Structure formats: structure tokens, C-alpha cells
Amino acid sequence: MTLSFFDQFMSPMYFGIPLMALALTLPWILYPTPSTRWLNNRLVTLQGWFLSGFTQQLLLPLNPGGHKWAALFTSLMIFLITLNMLGLLPYTFTPTTQLSLNMGLAVPLWLATIIIGMRNQPTIALGHLLPEGTPTPLIPVLIIIETISLFIRPLALGVRLTANLTAGHLLIQLIATAAFVLLPMMPTVAILTAAVLFLLTLLEVAVAMIQAYVFVLLLSLYLQENV
């Protein structure tokens, strides 16, 4: 029983072919494409309003040079939100519970912000490794600590997203199993457990959206340091 709880995190296979690519492609099919008409339907209008508001809030603290990343950040957040939300449906697979996928998203984007900073303003980019006014004996130690913290950033991005979604899925499955087992023996307790499960599911919906937003927000903060 304990091992079966983790079966939901295994990458699905069909005739020996991994279906990860299909799971990553599906979210883009679900969104309506804007038309060339002056008046769109309500769904496209709501989608455009949401994307415009999110982009405005995300790029508010960035310099004009960082506004080139608007399409990338917005697409990434919509992509992560869709993957996280689809993973809450029964009999589905959540690709963002795989650390390899999250690291594959975090490392290249983090590295791109570092390369931009080193190319455009190398003095300021390297200056982040040594805070101003540091005592001379502490300079080597602080440079080592800041360098380690710099390289831990992509790992923190990937692990945060993976850990939050994995913990939520495991908790939902544990409570659902408890409600199913308690139903024939203690119906009242099973109903209360089901109510807790419903509230936890609402919480996981919020977590799925918040974690996608936090992932993109931290990337925008890393970009702000180097633009």
C-alpha cells in the first residue's frame, strides 16, 4: 500500500514509449487562439484581460530592458499553472512533480539571467558577490557564501515546485484512502474526512497557481538583478 502511493509520480509509458511529451503538449491545445475579429468571445476576452494584468504586475519592478522577457514569463506561468491544475484531475499525470523537468526549466532560465548580467554589466553582476562595506577579513568567506547561494538558486526553484506538488498529491491520496476505508465502518467519520478532502483539494488548487506564480516571480527577480 505504501509503495502504491508513489505510483502516481511514475512517468506513464505506452508500448514502451514515455508519454511525457504528450503531457507537456496537451496544455497548449486547451487554450483558445485569438481571432482577427474586432469582437472576441467572452473566453478569449477574459484570457486576454488576465494575461495583460499579470504581465503588467510582473514587469512593474523591471527595467525596460527586462520587458523583452514578458512573453516568455507569461507563457511559462500559464504553462505551469495548466500542468499543475490538470494534475489534480483523477487518473492524470503531473509532469511538474518530476524534479528533472523542473530543473530543466529552472537551470537554463537562471543561467540566461546570469549570462545577460555578465555580458551587459559585468562589474555590477560580480558586485553582488560582495556586499558593500564588508570588513576585509570577511571578504573571502562572503564571496564563497554568495557564490554558493547563487548556484543554489536553480536547485531551490526546482525543488520548491516539486516538493510542494508532491506533498499535496500524497496528502490528497492518503486522506482519500482513509475516507474510502472508513466508509463501511464509521460513515460519520468518513463524511468528515471527505469534507476535509474537499477543503484540501481547494487548497491544492490555490497551491498549484501560487507555485507557478512564485516560480516565474523568482525568475523575474533574478533577471532584475542582472538587467
Protein backbone atom coordinates (compact mmCIF):
# COMPACT_ATOMS: atom_id res chain seq x y z
CA MET A 1 0.00 0.00 0.00
CA THR A 2 2.84 2.37 0.88
CA LEU A 3 4.61 1.84 -2.43
CA SER A 4 1.40 2.33 -4.42
CA PHE A 5 1.13 5.89 -3.14
CA PHE A 6 4.17 6.81 -5.20
CA ASP A 7 2.99 5.11 -8.39
CA GLN A 8 1.22 8.31 -9.42
CA PHE A 9 4.60 10.03 -9.81
CA MET A 10 5.94 7.47 -12.29
CA SER A 11 6.21 8.67 -15.86
CA PRO A 12 3.46 6.88 -17.85
CA MET A 13 4.52 4.50 -20.60
CA TYR A 14 2.55 3.18 -23.57
CA PHE A 15 4.10 0.32 -25.56
CA GLY A 16 7.41 1.27 -24.00
CA ILE A 17 7.12 4.89 -25.18
CA PRO A 18 7.14 7.61 -22.46
CA LEU A 19 4.11 9.87 -22.62
CA MET A 20 5.86 12.85 -21.02
CA ALA A 21 5.96 14.68 -24.36
CA LEU A 22 2.20 14.26 -24.78
CA ALA A 23 1.57 15.53 -21.25
CA LEU A 24 3.69 18.62 -22.00
CA THR A 25 1.98 19.28 -25.33
CA LEU A 26 -1.63 18.92 -24.18
CA PRO A 27 -1.91 22.24 -22.23
CA TRP A 28 -1.26 24.32 -25.35
CA ILE A 29 -4.22 22.70 -27.12
CA LEU A 30 -6.68 23.71 -24.39
CA TYR A 31 -6.37 27.46 -24.82
CA PRO A 32 -8.38 29.33 -27.46
CA THR A 33 -6.44 31.25 -30.08
CA PRO A 34 -7.37 34.91 -30.58
CA SER A 35 -9.03 35.72 -33.88
CA THR A 36 -8.59 38.72 -36.15
CA ARG A 37 -12.11 39.96 -35.45
CA TRP A 38 -12.66 43.19 -33.55
CA LEU A 39 -15.00 41.49 -31.08
CA ASN A 40 -13.96 38.19 -29.49
CA ASN A 41 -15.97 35.81 -27.36
CA ARG A 42 -16.01 36.05 -23.56
CA LEU A 43 -13.39 33.34 -23.05
CA VAL A 44 -10.80 34.99 -25.28
CA THR A 45 -11.55 38.39 -23.75
CA LEU A 46 -11.13 37.01 -20.22
CA GLN A 47 -7.90 35.29 -21.24
CA GLY A 48 -6.51 38.50 -22.71
CA TRP A 49 -7.50 40.50 -19.64
CA PHE A 50 -5.77 38.01 -17.33
CA LEU A 51 -2.58 37.90 -19.40
CA SER A 52 -2.43 41.68 -19.64
CA GLY A 53 -2.91 42.16 -15.90
CA PHE A 54 -0.39 39.50 -14.98
CA THR A 55 2.25 40.84 -17.37
CA GLN A 56 1.79 44.36 -16.04
CA GLN A 57 2.22 43.27 -12.42
CA LEU A 58 5.18 41.02 -13.19
CA LEU A 59 7.15 43.58 -15.19
CA LEU A 60 6.37 46.52 -12.91
CA PRO A 61 9.68 46.36 -10.94
CA LEU A 62 11.79 45.53 -14.03
CA ASN A 63 13.78 47.95 -16.12
CA PRO A 64 12.70 48.45 -19.75
CA GLY A 65 15.46 46.07 -20.80
CA GLY A 66 13.74 43.24 -18.95
CA HIS A 67 10.43 43.77 -20.74
CA LYS A 68 11.69 41.60 -23.59
CA TRP A 69 11.07 38.62 -21.33
CA ALA A 70 7.34 39.38 -20.99
CA ALA A 71 6.16 36.76 -23.50
CA LEU A 72 8.47 34.09 -22.07
CA PHE A 73 7.47 34.66 -18.45
CA THR A 74 3.76 34.84 -19.23
CA SER A 75 3.85 31.69 -21.36
CA LEU A 76 5.84 29.86 -18.69
CA MET A 77 3.40 30.75 -15.92
CA ILE A 78 0.35 29.74 -17.98
CA PHE A 79 2.12 26.51 -18.90
CA LEU A 80 2.96 25.66 -15.27
CA ILE A 81 -0.50 26.57 -14.00
CA THR A 82 -2.12 24.34 -16.61
CA LEU A 83 0.16 21.39 -15.85
CA ASN A 84 -0.42 21.76 -12.10
CA MET A 85 -4.20 22.08 -12.45
CA LEU A 86 -4.53 19.15 -14.85
CA GLY A 87 -2.56 17.03 -12.40
CA LEU A 88 -5.33 17.44 -9.82
CA LEU A 89 -7.79 15.57 -12.04
CA PRO A 90 -8.28 11.84 -11.37
CA TYR A 91 -6.17 9.37 -13.35
CA THR A 92 -3.84 12.06 -14.66
CA PHE A 93 -0.09 12.55 -14.52
CA THR A 94 1.56 15.74 -13.28
CA PRO A 95 4.84 16.38 -15.12
CA THR A 96 5.83 19.12 -12.66
CA THR A 97 6.21 16.52 -9.88
CA GLN A 98 9.34 15.36 -11.73
CA LEU A 99 12.46 17.12 -10.47
CA SER A 100 14.18 16.57 -13.80
CA LEU A 101 11.54 18.60 -15.66
CA ASN A 102 11.56 21.43 -13.12
CA MET A 103 15.35 21.60 -13.16
CA GLY A 104 15.24 21.56 -16.94
CA LEU A 105 13.10 24.70 -16.78
CA ALA A 106 14.94 26.41 -13.92
CA VAL A 107 18.60 25.93 -14.86
CA PRO A 108 18.54 27.33 -18.45
CA LEU A 109 16.43 30.35 -17.48
CA TRP A 110 18.56 31.10 -14.42
CA LEU A 111 21.72 30.69 -16.49
CA ALA A 112 20.33 33.05 -19.12
CA THR A 113 19.85 35.79 -16.50
CA ILE A 114 23.44 35.28 -15.30
CA ILE A 115 24.85 35.42 -18.83
CA ILE A 116 22.89 38.61 -19.58
CA GLY A 117 24.24 40.24 -16.43
CA MET A 118 27.84 39.20 -17.17
CA ARG A 119 27.56 40.47 -20.75
CA ASN A 120 25.81 43.79 -20.15
CA GLN A 121 27.18 44.87 -16.77
CA PRO A 122 29.90 42.52 -15.52
CA THR A 123 31.06 44.86 -12.74
CA ILE A 124 27.60 45.11 -11.17
CA ALA A 125 26.92 41.38 -11.67
CA LEU A 126 30.13 40.44 -9.89
CA GLY A 127 29.48 43.12 -7.28
CA HIS A 128 26.51 41.11 -5.99
CA LEU A 129 29.01 38.57 -4.67
CA LEU A 130 30.45 41.09 -2.22
CA PRO A 131 28.13 43.41 -0.24
CA GLU A 132 29.28 46.98 0.16
CA GLY A 133 31.06 47.81 3.42
CA THR A 134 32.21 44.25 4.13
CA PRO A 135 35.18 44.05 6.57
CA THR A 136 38.40 43.00 4.87
CA PRO A 137 38.88 39.71 6.84
CA LEU A 138 35.38 38.54 5.84
CA ILE A 139 35.74 39.21 2.11
CA PRO A 140 36.91 35.69 1.07
CA VAL A 141 34.29 33.99 3.22
CA LEU A 142 31.44 36.17 1.95
CA ILE A 143 32.47 35.68 -1.68
CA ILE A 144 32.35 31.89 -1.19
CA ILE A 145 28.98 32.07 0.59
CA GLU A 146 27.42 34.35 -2.03
CA THR A 147 28.75 32.17 -4.85
CA ILE A 148 27.23 29.06 -3.25
CA SER A 149 23.91 30.84 -2.74
CA LEU A 150 23.99 31.95 -6.38
CA PHE A 151 24.40 28.40 -7.66
CA ILE A 152 21.74 27.07 -5.26
CA ARG A 153 19.06 29.29 -6.81
CA PRO A 154 18.06 26.99 -9.69
CA LEU A 155 18.08 24.00 -7.35
CA ALA A 156 15.77 25.86 -4.95
CA LEU A 157 13.43 26.75 -7.82
CA GLY A 158 13.10 23.15 -8.98
CA VAL A 159 12.93 21.55 -5.54
CA ARG A 160 10.33 24.05 -4.27
CA LEU A 161 7.93 23.33 -7.11
CA THR A 162 8.49 19.57 -6.94
CA ALA A 163 8.19 19.30 -3.16
CA ASN A 164 5.01 21.36 -2.86
CA LEU A 165 3.15 19.48 -5.59
CA THR A 166 4.38 16.05 -4.47
CA ALA A 167 3.40 16.68 -0.85
CA GLY A 168 -0.05 17.89 -1.87
CA HIS A 169 -0.71 14.88 -4.10
CA LEU A 170 0.42 12.46 -1.41
CA LEU A 171 -1.74 14.13 1.22
CA ILE A 172 -4.80 14.04 -1.05
CA GLN A 173 -4.28 10.34 -1.77
CA LEU A 174 -3.75 9.49 1.92
CA ILE A 175 -6.94 11.28 3.02
CA ALA A 176 -8.93 9.82 0.12
CA THR A 177 -7.75 6.31 1.06
CA ALA A 178 -8.69 6.93 4.70
CA ALA A 179 -12.18 8.12 3.73
CA PHE A 180 -12.69 5.07 1.48
CA VAL A 181 -11.57 2.63 4.21
CA LEU A 182 -13.61 4.30 6.96
CA LEU A 183 -16.85 4.46 4.93
CA PRO A 184 -18.18 0.95 5.74
CA MET A 185 -17.02 1.03 9.37
CA MET A 186 -17.61 4.63 10.50
CA PRO A 187 -19.74 6.55 7.97
CA THR A 188 -19.81 9.75 10.04
CA VAL A 189 -16.03 9.91 10.31
CA ALA A 190 -15.75 9.09 6.61
CA ILE A 191 -18.04 12.01 5.71
CA LEU A 192 -15.97 14.36 7.87
CA THR A 193 -12.82 13.04 6.21
CA ALA A 194 -14.37 13.61 2.79
CA ALA A 195 -15.15 17.21 3.80
CA VAL A 196 -11.53 17.67 4.81
CA LEU A 197 -10.52 16.18 1.46
CA PHE A 198 -12.69 18.69 -0.39
CA LEU A 199 -11.13 21.60 1.50
CA LEU A 200 -7.66 20.19 0.88
CA THR A 201 -8.41 19.95 -2.83
CA LEU A 202 -9.37 23.63 -2.89
CA LEU A 203 -6.12 24.39 -1.09
CA GLU A 204 -4.16 22.39 -3.66
CA VAL A 205 -5.80 24.34 -6.47
CA ALA A 206 -4.52 27.52 -4.83
CA VAL A 207 -1.09 25.96 -4.29
CA ALA A 208 -0.93 24.92 -7.96
CA MET A 209 -1.47 28.51 -9.07
CA ILE A 210 0.69 30.11 -6.37
CA GLN A 211 3.68 27.85 -7.01
CA ALA A 212 3.61 28.62 -10.73
CA TYR A 213 3.47 32.33 -9.95
CA VAL A 214 6.31 32.07 -7.40
CA PHE A 215 8.47 30.18 -9.91
CA VAL A 216 8.10 32.94 -12.50
CA LEU A 217 8.32 35.74 -9.93
CA LEU A 218 11.67 34.50 -8.61
CA LEU A 219 12.99 34.25 -12.16
CA SER A 220 11.93 37.85 -12.76
CA LEU A 221 13.74 38.92 -9.56
CA TYR A 222 16.89 37.15 -10.72
CA LEU A 223 16.55 38.95 -14.04
CA GLN A 224 16.10 42.29 -12.27
CA GLU A 225 19.49 41.88 -10.61
CA ASN A 226 21.22 41.45 -13.96
CA VAL A 227 19.38 43.91 -16.24
